[in-house]
C-alpha atoms as a PDB file:
ATOM      1  CA  UNK A   1     196.672 -61.269-128.630  1.00  0.00           C
ATOM      2  CA  UNK A   2     198.447 -58.289-130.391  1.00  0.00           C
ATOM      3  CA  UNK A   3     197.646 -54.581-129.376  1.00  0.00           C
ATOM      4  CA  UNK A   4     198.443 -51.632-131.705  1.00  0.00           C
ATOM      5  CA  UNK A   5     198.347 -48.052-130.394  1.00  0.00           C
ATOM      6  CA  UNK A   6     197.537 -44.827-131.938  1.00  0.00           C
ATOM      7  CA  UNK A   7     195.475 -46.296-134.855  1.00  0.00           C
ATOM      8  CA  UNK A   8     193.033 -43.186-134.946  1.00  0.00           C
ATOM      9  CA  UNK A   9     196.019 -40.864-135.231  1.00  0.00           C
ATOM     10  CA  UNK A  10     194.411 -37.960-133.671  1.00  0.00           C
ATOM     11  CA  UNK A  11     191.477 -38.455-135.918  1.00  0.00           C
ATOM     12  CA  UNK A  12     193.460 -37.931-139.088  1.00  0.00           C
ATOM     13  CA  UNK A  13     192.766 -41.294-140.470  1.00  0.00           C
ATOM     14  CA  UNK A  14     189.265 -40.420-140.944  1.00  0.00           C
ATOM     15  CA  UNK A  15     190.041 -37.118-142.719  1.00  0.00           C
ATOM     16  CA  UNK A  16     190.681 -37.997-146.514  1.00  0.00           C
ATOM     17  CA  UNK A  17     192.310 -34.578-146.889  1.00  0.00           C
ATOM     18  CA  UNK A  18     195.153 -35.621-144.768  1.00  0.00           C
ATOM     19  CA  UNK A  19     197.633 -37.442-147.101  1.00  0.00           C
ATOM     20  CA  UNK A  20     200.996 -37.375-145.157  1.00  0.00           C
ATOM     21  CA  UNK A  21     202.974 -40.790-145.136  1.00  0.00           C
ATOM     22  CA  UNK A  22     202.439 -41.529-141.584  1.00  0.00           C
ATOM     23  CA  UNK A  23     198.565 -41.144-141.704  1.00  0.00           C
ATOM     24  CA  UNK A  24     198.534 -42.923-145.017  1.00  0.00           C
ATOM     25  CA  UNK A  25     200.293 -45.983-143.520  1.00  0.00           C
ATOM     26  CA  UNK A  26     198.072 -46.108-140.539  1.00  0.00           C
ATOM     27  CA  UNK A  27     195.055 -45.817-142.699  1.00  0.00           C
ATOM     28  CA  UNK A  28     196.384 -48.664-144.934  1.00  0.00           C
ATOM     29  CA  UNK A  29     197.172 -50.895-141.917  1.00  0.00           C
ATOM     30  CA  UNK A  30     193.671 -50.386-140.537  1.00  0.00           C
ATOM     31  CA  UNK A  31     192.120 -51.452-143.792  1.00  0.00           C
ATOM     32  CA  UNK A  32     194.266 -54.519-144.155  1.00  0.00           C
ATOM     33  CA  UNK A  33     193.487 -55.627-140.622  1.00  0.00           C
ATOM     34  CA  UNK A  34     189.908 -55.100-141.141  1.00  0.00           C
ATOM     35  CA  UNK A  35     189.896 -57.193-144.438  1.00  0.00           C
ATOM     36  CA  UNK A  36     191.957 -60.047-142.969  1.00  0.00           C
ATOM     37  CA  UNK A  37     189.763 -62.978-142.389  1.00  0.00           C
ATOM     38  CA  UNK A  38     192.379 -64.740-140.268  1.00  0.00           C
ATOM     39  CA  UNK A  39     192.040 -62.405-137.433  1.00  0.00           C
ATOM     40  CA  UNK A  40     189.333 -61.107-135.130  1.00  0.00           C
ATOM     41  CA  UNK A  41     189.782 -57.452-134.101  1.00  0.00           C
ATOM     42  CA  UNK A  42     188.244 -54.663-132.067  1.00  0.00           C
ATOM     43  CA  UNK A  43     189.113 -51.084-132.043  1.00  0.00           C
ATOM     44  CA  UNK A  44     188.945 -49.511-128.629  1.00  0.00           C
ATOM     45  CA  UNK A  45     188.282 -45.824-128.892  1.00  0.00           C
ATOM     46  CA  UNK A  46     190.390 -44.613-125.860  1.00  0.00           C
ATOM     47  CA  UNK A  47     193.185 -42.259-126.107  1.00  0.00           C
ATOM     48  CA  UNK A  48     194.228 -42.135-129.727  1.00  0.00           C
ATOM     49  CA  UNK A  49     192.879 -45.461-130.500  1.00  0.00           C
ATOM     50  CA  UNK A  50     193.842 -49.016-129.726  1.00  0.00           C
ATOM     51  CA  UNK A  51     193.345 -52.087-132.048  1.00  0.00           C
ATOM     52  CA  UNK A  52     193.201 -55.510-130.400  1.00  0.00           C
ATOM     53  CA  UNK A  53     193.488 -58.554-132.558  1.00  0.00           C
ATOM     54  CA  UNK A  54     193.679 -62.216-132.223  1.00  0.00           C
ATOM     55  CA  UNK A  55     194.219 -65.202-134.505  1.00  0.00           C
ATOM     56  CA  UNK A  56     191.185 -66.915-135.353  1.00  0.00           C
END
């Protein structure tokens, strides 16, 4: 089990107008995790977002 904190980045990841390097990096990580068929994941919308993932 891996937990990744702050994946919503204060909502900035959903705002395509925000293009600073930190936001872009988190957005890219979220997309890669979502596309990765080797893991199951769940985004928990508490605080600033928590992604939980485990190897299939």
